[in-house]
Amino acid sequence: MLIERSELADVVCFLPETRHEDERGWFVRTLDVAVAERAGVDARTFLQDSQSRSRQGVLRGMHGRAGAGEAKLVRCARGAVLDVLVDARPSAPSFGRSAAFRLDDETGRHLYVPPGFLHGFQALTPEADVCYRIDREHDPSEDLAVRYDDPDLALPWPLPVTAISARDAAAGTWQDLVQRLDGAPGH
């Protein structure tokens, strides 16, 4: 696997170098703990695997976790998505900055999302399956959410949004979150 660094501090992409193809189809390695560790990612800490399926235009996000945060390893197993991150770590050099990554079933690119980031994606193909490895048990009391269309973030969604959850539609603004983070202990 190749390791690609992001412009956002601590965000890493993993790109499988070899996809074995024959008359049956193909095979690719989706996780290599030794490669992850070389990139500074402790892949042994992931506790949960989840998968979602979305129709084209569906947008999920922008979500994060308070407290210790939550690390994710994200990939698109079917179709393609535009995956977007926002650094919500007040002490990070890339605080408030965003970056977008195309994840698809052709390249097999995986995105490591460190704790403290907001994460969301939009399905680009008729169906898109996104798989997540998560390093903490879910605690709903720590959920964070910011509107996908917040004008301060101006996130680069490429398609009209065809559907979002009620939770995402009711999410607060980036400024609301910044005020919450400023009031958090240790900030």
C-alpha atoms as a PDB file:
ATOM      1  CA  MET A   1       0.000   0.000   0.000  1.00  0.00           C
ATOM      2  CA  LEU A   2       1.119   3.517  -0.748  1.00  0.00           C
ATOM      3  CA  ILE A   3       0.851   6.193   1.927  1.00  0.00           C
ATOM      4  CA  GLU A   4      -0.383   9.637   0.864  1.00  0.00           C
ATOM      5  CA  ARG A   5      -0.223  12.585   3.276  1.00  0.00           C
ATOM      6  CA  SER A   6      -2.964  15.191   3.274  1.00  0.00           C
ATOM      7  CA  GLU A   7      -2.779  18.953   3.588  1.00  0.00           C
ATOM      8  CA  LEU A   8      -4.734  18.497   6.839  1.00  0.00           C
ATOM      9  CA  ALA A   9      -2.533  17.626   9.809  1.00  0.00           C
ATOM     10  CA  ASP A  10      -2.537  13.880  10.652  1.00  0.00           C
ATOM     11  CA  VAL A  11      -4.910  12.843   7.825  1.00  0.00           C
ATOM     12  CA  VAL A  12      -3.540   9.956   5.743  1.00  0.00           C
ATOM     13  CA  CYS A  13      -4.743   8.133   2.623  1.00  0.00           C
ATOM     14  CA  PHE A  14      -3.781   4.543   1.914  1.00  0.00           C
ATOM     15  CA  LEU A  15      -3.790   3.400  -1.693  1.00  0.00           C
ATOM     16  CA  PRO A  16      -3.467  -0.306  -2.525  1.00  0.00           C
ATOM     17  CA  GLU A  17      -0.600  -0.801  -4.961  1.00  0.00           C
ATOM     18  CA  THR A  18      -1.687  -4.156  -6.291  1.00  0.00           C
ATOM     19  CA  ARG A  19      -5.055  -5.435  -7.341  1.00  0.00           C
ATOM     20  CA  HIS A  20      -4.970  -9.046  -8.432  1.00  0.00           C
ATOM     21  CA  GLU A  21      -7.355  -9.618 -11.341  1.00  0.00           C
ATOM     22  CA  ASP A  22      -8.308 -12.771 -13.214  1.00  0.00           C
ATOM     23  CA  GLU A  23     -11.377 -14.321 -14.855  1.00  0.00           C
ATOM     24  CA  ARG A  24     -13.148 -14.481 -11.463  1.00  0.00           C
ATOM     25  CA  GLY A  25     -12.834 -10.754 -10.762  1.00  0.00           C
ATOM     26  CA  TRP A  26     -10.294  -9.141  -8.457  1.00  0.00           C
ATOM     27  CA  PHE A  27      -8.744  -9.249  -4.980  1.00  0.00           C
ATOM     28  CA  VAL A  28      -7.159  -6.417  -2.996  1.00  0.00           C
ATOM     29  CA  ARG A  29      -5.853  -6.033   0.544  1.00  0.00           C
ATOM     30  CA  THR A  30      -7.966  -3.468   2.417  1.00  0.00           C
ATOM     31  CA  LEU A  31      -5.920  -3.200   5.614  1.00  0.00           C
ATOM     32  CA  ASP A  32      -2.268  -3.737   6.408  1.00  0.00           C
ATOM     33  CA  VAL A  33      -1.486  -2.962  10.047  1.00  0.00           C
ATOM     34  CA  ALA A  34       2.267  -2.708   9.396  1.00  0.00           C
ATOM     35  CA  VAL A  35       1.743  -0.085   6.659  1.00  0.00           C
ATOM     36  CA  ALA A  36      -0.705   1.826   8.853  1.00  0.00           C
ATOM     37  CA  GLU A  37       1.811   1.878  11.699  1.00  0.00           C
ATOM     38  CA  ARG A  38       4.511   3.266   9.350  1.00  0.00           C
ATOM     39  CA  ALA A  39       2.079   6.130   8.690  1.00  0.00           C
ATOM     40  CA  GLY A  40       1.552   6.713  12.418  1.00  0.00           C
ATOM     41  CA  VAL A  41      -1.882   5.045  12.548  1.00  0.00           C
ATOM     42  CA  ASP A  42      -2.518   2.412  15.213  1.00  0.00           C
ATOM     43  CA  ALA A  43      -4.914   0.210  13.237  1.00  0.00           C
ATOM     44  CA  ARG A  44      -5.035  -2.347  16.051  1.00  0.00           C
ATOM     45  CA  THR A  45      -7.301   0.001  18.041  1.00  0.00           C
ATOM     46  CA  PHE A  46     -10.314  -0.212  15.719  1.00  0.00           C
ATOM     47  CA  LEU A  47     -13.267  -1.731  17.586  1.00  0.00           C
ATOM     48  CA  GLN A  48     -16.167  -1.549  15.166  1.00  0.00           C
ATOM     49  CA  ASP A  49     -16.840  -1.963  11.448  1.00  0.00           C
ATOM     50  CA  SER A  50     -19.889  -0.296   9.911  1.00  0.00           C
ATOM     51  CA  GLN A  51     -21.243   0.075   6.388  1.00  0.00           C
ATOM     52  CA  SER A  52     -23.757   2.421   4.796  1.00  0.00           C
ATOM     53  CA  ARG A  53     -25.414   2.402   1.382  1.00  0.00           C
ATOM     54  CA  SER A  54     -26.480   5.695  -0.184  1.00  0.00           C
ATOM     55  CA  ARG A  55     -28.176   6.709  -3.399  1.00  0.00           C
ATOM     56  CA  GLN A  56     -26.624   9.285  -5.728  1.00  0.00           C
ATOM     57  CA  GLY A  57     -26.760  12.783  -4.279  1.00  0.00           C
ATOM     58  CA  VAL A  58     -27.359  11.621  -0.704  1.00  0.00           C
ATOM     59  CA  LEU A  59     -25.232  13.532   1.761  1.00  0.00           C
ATOM     60  CA  ARG A  60     -24.236  12.213   5.185  1.00  0.00           C
ATOM     61  CA  GLY A  61     -22.495  14.636   7.534  1.00  0.00           C
ATOM     62  CA  MET A  62     -20.848  16.644   8.901  1.00  0.00           C
ATOM     63  CA  HIS A  63     -20.330  14.537  12.034  1.00  0.00           C
ATOM     64  CA  GLY A  64     -17.742  14.302  14.777  1.00  0.00           C
ATOM     65  CA  ARG A  65     -17.289  13.310  18.418  1.00  0.00           C
ATOM     66  CA  ALA A  66     -16.548  15.439  21.477  1.00  0.00           C
ATOM     67  CA  GLY A  67     -14.322  14.271  24.301  1.00  0.00           C
ATOM     68  CA  ALA A  68     -11.497  12.038  23.100  1.00  0.00           C
ATOM     69  CA  GLY A  69     -12.944  12.111  19.581  1.00  0.00           C
ATOM     70  CA  GLU A  70     -13.117   9.143  17.272  1.00  0.00           C
ATOM     71  CA  ALA A  71     -10.665   7.872  14.666  1.00  0.00           C
ATOM     72  CA  LYS A  72     -12.036   6.272  11.496  1.00  0.00           C
ATOM     73  CA  LEU A  73     -10.638   4.379   8.561  1.00  0.00           C
ATOM     74  CA  VAL A  74     -13.058   4.987   5.687  1.00  0.00           C
ATOM     75  CA  ARG A  75     -13.320   3.427   2.224  1.00  0.00           C
ATOM     76  CA  CYS A  76     -15.904   3.172  -0.523  1.00  0.00           C
ATOM     77  CA  ALA A  77     -16.512  -0.504  -1.314  1.00  0.00           C
ATOM     78  CA  ARG A  78     -19.058   0.111  -4.076  1.00  0.00           C
ATOM     79  CA  GLY A  79     -19.406   3.138  -6.340  1.00  0.00           C
ATOM     80  CA  ALA A  80     -17.854   6.490  -5.474  1.00  0.00           C
ATOM     81  CA  VAL A  81     -18.204   9.255  -2.910  1.00  0.00           C
ATOM     82  CA  LEU A  82     -16.704  12.637  -2.267  1.00  0.00           C
ATOM     83  CA  ASP A  83     -15.476  12.416   1.311  1.00  0.00           C
ATOM     84  CA  VAL A  84     -14.974  15.730   3.112  1.00  0.00           C
ATOM     85  CA  LEU A  85     -13.140  16.479   6.368  1.00  0.00           C
ATOM     86  CA  VAL A  86     -12.993  19.609   8.509  1.00  0.00           C
ATOM     87  CA  ASP A  87     -10.330  19.925  11.198  1.00  0.00           C
ATOM     88  CA  ALA A  88     -12.194  20.757  14.425  1.00  0.00           C
ATOM     89  CA  ARG A  89      -9.147  20.529  16.711  1.00  0.00           C
ATOM     90  CA  PRO A  90      -8.608  24.059  18.089  1.00  0.00           C
ATOM     91  CA  SER A  91      -4.882  23.471  18.732  1.00  0.00           C
ATOM     92  CA  ALA A  92      -4.148  21.981  15.286  1.00  0.00           C
ATOM     93  CA  PRO A  93      -2.337  23.991  12.599  1.00  0.00           C
ATOM     94  CA  SER A  94      -5.111  23.131  10.128  1.00  0.00           C
ATOM     95  CA  PHE A  95      -8.020  24.063  12.471  1.00  0.00           C
ATOM     96  CA  GLY A  96     -11.072  25.127  10.473  1.00  0.00           C
ATOM     97  CA  ARG A  97      -9.647  23.957   7.157  1.00  0.00           C
ATOM     98  CA  SER A  98     -11.312  21.350   4.975  1.00  0.00           C
ATOM     99  CA  ALA A  99     -10.182  18.871   2.367  1.00  0.00           C
ATOM    100  CA  ALA A 100     -12.085  16.632  -0.041  1.00  0.00           C
ATOM    101  CA  PHE A 101     -11.102  13.136  -1.182  1.00  0.00           C
ATOM    102  CA  ARG A 102     -12.649  10.951  -3.861  1.00  0.00           C
ATOM    103  CA  LEU A 103     -13.054   7.421  -2.536  1.00  0.00           C
ATOM    104  CA  ASP A 104     -14.179   4.732  -4.952  1.00  0.00           C
ATOM    105  CA  ASP A 105     -14.223   1.010  -5.650  1.00  0.00           C
ATOM    106  CA  GLU A 106     -11.695   1.304  -8.484  1.00  0.00           C
ATOM    107  CA  THR A 107      -8.706   2.828  -6.664  1.00  0.00           C
ATOM    108  CA  GLY A 108      -9.514   1.336  -3.247  1.00  0.00           C
ATOM    109  CA  ARG A 109      -8.200   4.477  -1.533  1.00  0.00           C
ATOM    110  CA  HIS A 110      -8.756   4.476   2.253  1.00  0.00           C
ATOM    111  CA  LEU A 111      -8.935   7.640   4.313  1.00  0.00           C
ATOM    112  CA  TYR A 112      -7.679   7.798   7.888  1.00  0.00           C
ATOM    113  CA  VAL A 113      -9.702  10.371   9.819  1.00  0.00           C
ATOM    114  CA  PRO A 114      -8.015  11.263  13.119  1.00  0.00           C
ATOM    115  CA  PRO A 115      -9.983  12.114  16.266  1.00  0.00           C
ATOM    116  CA  GLY A 116     -11.216  15.702  16.282  1.00  0.00           C
ATOM    117  CA  PHE A 117     -12.359  15.961  12.672  1.00  0.00           C
ATOM    118  CA  LEU A 118     -15.815  16.482  11.235  1.00  0.00           C
ATOM    119  CA  HIS A 119     -16.553  13.928   8.529  1.00  0.00           C
ATOM    120  CA  GLY A 120     -19.147  13.663   5.791  1.00  0.00           C
ATOM    121  CA  PHE A 121     -19.614  12.384   2.269  1.00  0.00           C
ATOM    122  CA  GLN A 122     -21.845  12.595  -0.789  1.00  0.00           C
ATOM    123  CA  ALA A 123     -22.664   9.636  -3.037  1.00  0.00           C
ATOM    124  CA  LEU A 124     -21.506  10.299  -6.608  1.00  0.00           C
ATOM    125  CA  THR A 125     -22.797   7.096  -8.228  1.00  0.00           C
ATOM    126  CA  PRO A 126     -26.273   5.478  -8.374  1.00  0.00           C
ATOM    127  CA  GLU A 127     -25.338   3.474  -5.256  1.00  0.00           C
ATOM    128  CA  ALA A 128     -22.358   3.903  -2.955  1.00  0.00           C
ATOM    129  CA  ASP A 129     -21.363   1.650  -0.069  1.00  0.00           C
ATOM    130  CA  VAL A 130     -19.072   3.248   2.501  1.00  0.00           C
ATOM    131  CA  CYS A 131     -17.253   1.116   5.077  1.00  0.00           C
ATOM    132  CA  TYR A 132     -15.891   2.563   8.323  1.00  0.00           C
ATOM    133  CA  ARG A 133     -13.573   1.169  10.949  1.00  0.00           C
ATOM    134  CA  ILE A 134     -14.017   3.079  14.199  1.00  0.00           C
ATOM    135  CA  ASP A 135     -11.767   3.086  17.265  1.00  0.00           C
ATOM    136  CA  ARG A 136     -14.356   3.839  19.981  1.00  0.00           C
ATOM    137  CA  GLU A 137     -17.764   2.667  21.019  1.00  0.00           C
ATOM    138  CA  HIS A 138     -20.466   5.138  20.041  1.00  0.00           C
ATOM    139  CA  ASP A 139     -21.633   7.470  22.802  1.00  0.00           C
ATOM    140  CA  PRO A 140     -24.563   9.583  21.513  1.00  0.00           C
ATOM    141  CA  SER A 141     -23.928  12.199  24.212  1.00  0.00           C
ATOM    142  CA  GLU A 142     -20.657  13.077  22.440  1.00  0.00           C
ATOM    143  CA  ASP A 143     -22.162  13.564  18.959  1.00  0.00           C
ATOM    144  CA  LEU A 144     -21.192  16.749  17.142  1.00  0.00           C
ATOM    145  CA  ALA A 145     -22.762  17.949  13.907  1.00  0.00           C
ATOM    146  CA  VAL A 146     -22.379  20.974  11.648  1.00  0.00           C
ATOM    147  CA  ARG A 147     -24.597  21.767   8.677  1.00  0.00           C
ATOM    148  CA  TYR A 148     -23.229  20.445   5.393  1.00  0.00           C
ATOM    149  CA  ASP A 149     -24.030  23.806   3.745  1.00  0.00           C
ATOM    150  CA  ASP A 150     -22.587  26.090   6.426  1.00  0.00           C
ATOM    151  CA  PRO A 151     -21.456  29.275   4.611  1.00  0.00           C
ATOM    152  CA  ASP A 152     -18.345  29.688   6.803  1.00  0.00           C
ATOM    153  CA  LEU A 153     -17.075  26.276   5.683  1.00  0.00           C
ATOM    154  CA  ALA A 154     -18.240  26.512   2.028  1.00  0.00           C
ATOM    155  CA  LEU A 155     -17.732  22.772   1.497  1.00  0.00           C
ATOM    156  CA  PRO A 156     -17.338  21.601  -2.129  1.00  0.00           C
ATOM    157  CA  TRP A 157     -20.333  19.293  -2.655  1.00  0.00           C
ATOM    158  CA  PRO A 158     -20.372  18.472  -6.391  1.00  0.00           C
ATOM    159  CA  LEU A 159     -24.024  17.382  -6.807  1.00  0.00           C
ATOM    160  CA  PRO A 160     -27.379  18.742  -5.722  1.00  0.00           C
ATOM    161  CA  VAL A 161     -28.252  17.167  -2.357  1.00  0.00           C
ATOM    162  CA  THR A 162     -31.068  14.654  -2.929  1.00  0.00           C
ATOM    163  CA  ALA A 163     -31.522  13.600   0.710  1.00  0.00           C
ATOM    164  CA  ILE A 164     -30.126  14.219   4.191  1.00  0.00           C
ATOM    165  CA  SER A 165     -31.208  12.971   7.595  1.00  0.00           C
ATOM    166  CA  ALA A 166     -33.398  15.029   9.926  1.00  0.00           C
ATOM    167  CA  ARG A 167     -30.402  15.182  12.283  1.00  0.00           C
ATOM    168  CA  ASP A 168     -28.184  16.654   9.575  1.00  0.00           C
ATOM    169  CA  ALA A 169     -30.869  19.145   8.531  1.00  0.00           C
ATOM    170  CA  ALA A 170     -31.095  20.361  12.146  1.00  0.00           C
ATOM    171  CA  ALA A 171     -27.317  20.571  12.718  1.00  0.00           C
ATOM    172  CA  GLY A 172     -25.791  23.772  14.055  1.00  0.00           C
ATOM    173  CA  THR A 173     -23.311  26.089  12.418  1.00  0.00           C
ATOM    174  CA  TRP A 174     -19.532  26.019  12.379  1.00  0.00           C
ATOM    175  CA  GLN A 175     -19.545  29.106  14.628  1.00  0.00           C
ATOM    176  CA  ASP A 176     -21.795  27.274  17.123  1.00  0.00           C
ATOM    177  CA  LEU A 177     -19.262  24.451  17.257  1.00  0.00           C
ATOM    178  CA  VAL A 178     -16.280  26.805  17.596  1.00  0.00           C
ATOM    179  CA  GLN A 179     -17.981  28.498  20.574  1.00  0.00           C
ATOM    180  CA  ARG A 180     -18.676  25.082  22.111  1.00  0.00           C
ATOM    181  CA  LEU A 181     -15.034  24.048  21.632  1.00  0.00           C
ATOM    182  CA  ASP A 182     -13.781  27.348  23.095  1.00  0.00           C
ATOM    183  CA  GLY A 183     -15.834  26.627  26.209  1.00  0.00           C
ATOM    184  CA  ALA A 184     -14.580  23.051  26.534  1.00  0.00           C
ATOM    185  CA  PRO A 185     -12.235  22.249  29.431  1.00  0.00           C
ATOM    186  CA  GLY A 186      -8.594  22.679  28.440  1.00  0.00           C
ATOM    187  CA  HIS A 187      -9.305  25.229  25.687  1.00  0.00           C
END
